Amino acid sequence: RFEDDESIMVAGSYRPLEDAFRIAHTQLIRWISAETGLSEMDTYQLVTQGSRSPIANVVDANYTIMAKMPKRYLPGDVPWMGGMHDRLRAVGTAVMAAR
């Protein structure tokens, strides 16, 4: 699981590429469903319509796909990853201000 300012993401690594894709998206659906209370079927529809799937690796033994869901399509009150992204941003801001 990953998070940046615009998206939450899950990496799926496996062979063939279709399995990496399936793993990434299945885990993204389960994560969003658990955090938002949406049913898995509603979350499946949401992810199907809004996600992006960049290929991250097709060179190594396993292929990697990133399943990315833009936060703009998700509820704004969910503390993704326990709010860690916001806490790290605050630490970074404090460090830069202290310079």
Protein backbone atom coordinates (compact mmCIF):
# COMPACT_ATOMS: atom_id res chain seq x y z
CA ARG A 1 0.00 0.00 0.00
CA PHE A 2 1.14 3.48 -0.91
CA GLU A 3 -0.23 6.98 -0.66
CA ASP A 4 0.68 10.35 -2.13
CA ASP A 5 -1.14 13.67 -2.25
CA GLU A 6 -3.43 12.62 -5.09
CA SER A 7 -3.91 8.84 -4.81
CA ILE A 8 -3.90 5.69 -2.79
CA MET A 9 -2.15 2.78 -4.49
CA VAL A 10 -1.48 -0.94 -4.23
CA ALA A 11 1.30 -2.81 -6.02
CA GLY A 12 0.71 -6.27 -7.41
CA SER A 13 3.71 -8.37 -8.45
CA TYR A 14 3.42 -11.74 -10.16
CA ARG A 15 3.59 -13.53 -13.49
CA PRO A 16 1.81 -13.36 -15.86
CA LEU A 17 1.01 -9.66 -16.09
CA GLU A 18 -2.72 -10.37 -15.79
CA ASP A 19 -2.18 -11.88 -12.34
CA ALA A 20 -0.20 -8.84 -11.18
CA PHE A 21 -3.08 -6.66 -12.39
CA ARG A 22 -5.67 -8.82 -10.61
CA ILE A 23 -3.73 -8.85 -7.32
CA ALA A 24 -3.24 -5.07 -7.30
CA HIS A 25 -6.87 -4.30 -8.03
CA THR A 26 -8.33 -6.94 -5.70
CA GLN A 27 -6.27 -5.55 -2.83
CA LEU A 28 -7.19 -1.97 -3.69
CA ILE A 29 -10.89 -2.90 -3.71
CA ARG A 30 -10.61 -4.67 -0.35
CA TRP A 31 -8.73 -1.71 1.19
CA ILE A 32 -11.23 0.91 -0.01
CA SER A 33 -14.19 -1.24 1.01
CA ALA A 34 -12.80 -1.79 4.53
CA GLU A 35 -11.99 1.89 5.09
CA THR A 36 -15.15 3.42 3.62
CA GLY A 37 -17.83 0.88 4.48
CA LEU A 38 -18.81 0.52 0.82
CA SER A 39 -19.76 -3.00 -0.22
CA GLU A 40 -17.14 -4.85 -2.23
CA MET A 41 -19.42 -4.75 -5.29
CA ASP A 42 -19.91 -0.97 -5.02
CA THR A 43 -16.18 -0.54 -4.49
CA TYR A 44 -15.49 -2.79 -7.50
CA GLN A 45 -17.64 -0.49 -9.64
CA LEU A 46 -15.92 2.63 -8.26
CA VAL A 47 -12.42 1.26 -8.86
CA THR A 48 -13.40 0.03 -12.32
CA GLN A 49 -14.51 3.54 -13.28
CA GLY A 50 -11.86 5.66 -11.56
CA SER A 51 -8.59 3.80 -11.15
CA ARG A 52 -5.42 3.96 -13.22
CA SER A 53 -3.06 1.03 -13.71
CA PRO A 54 0.48 1.98 -14.68
CA ILE A 55 2.84 -0.88 -15.39
CA ALA A 56 5.76 -0.53 -13.02
CA ASN A 57 7.98 -3.45 -14.03
CA VAL A 58 8.10 -6.06 -16.79
CA VAL A 59 11.83 -6.81 -16.66
CA ASP A 60 12.39 -8.81 -13.47
CA ALA A 61 11.15 -12.28 -12.63
CA ASN A 62 7.81 -10.85 -11.50
CA TYR A 63 5.83 -8.17 -13.27
CA THR A 64 4.45 -5.25 -11.25
CA ILE A 65 1.29 -3.19 -11.74
CA MET A 66 0.25 -0.24 -9.59
CA ALA A 67 -3.48 0.11 -8.99
CA LYS A 68 -4.00 3.86 -8.34
CA MET A 69 -7.23 5.37 -7.09
CA PRO A 70 -7.44 9.18 -7.12
CA LYS A 71 -8.50 10.52 -3.74
CA ARG A 72 -10.85 12.98 -5.43
CA TYR A 73 -13.25 10.03 -5.98
CA LEU A 74 -13.02 8.85 -2.37
CA PRO A 75 -14.55 10.17 0.85
CA GLY A 76 -12.41 13.01 2.20
CA ASP A 77 -12.74 12.04 5.85
CA VAL A 78 -10.95 8.68 5.61
CA PRO A 79 -7.50 8.67 7.28
CA TRP A 80 -5.80 6.46 4.71
CA MET A 81 -2.97 4.42 6.22
CA GLY A 82 -3.99 5.66 9.65
CA GLY A 83 -3.25 9.26 8.69
CA MET A 84 0.48 8.57 8.29
CA HIS A 85 0.80 10.69 5.12
CA ASP A 86 -0.55 13.76 6.91
CA ARG A 87 1.67 13.16 9.96
CA LEU A 88 4.78 12.83 7.80
CA ARG A 89 3.84 15.99 5.89
CA ALA A 90 3.57 17.87 9.21
CA VAL A 91 7.00 16.59 10.30
CA GLY A 92 8.51 17.66 6.97
CA THR A 93 6.92 21.08 7.23
CA ALA A 94 8.24 21.50 10.79
CA VAL A 95 11.75 20.46 9.75
CA MET A 96 11.77 22.90 6.84
CA ALA A 97 10.45 25.72 9.05
CA ALA A 98 13.22 25.11 11.58
CA ARG A 99 15.95 25.62 8.97
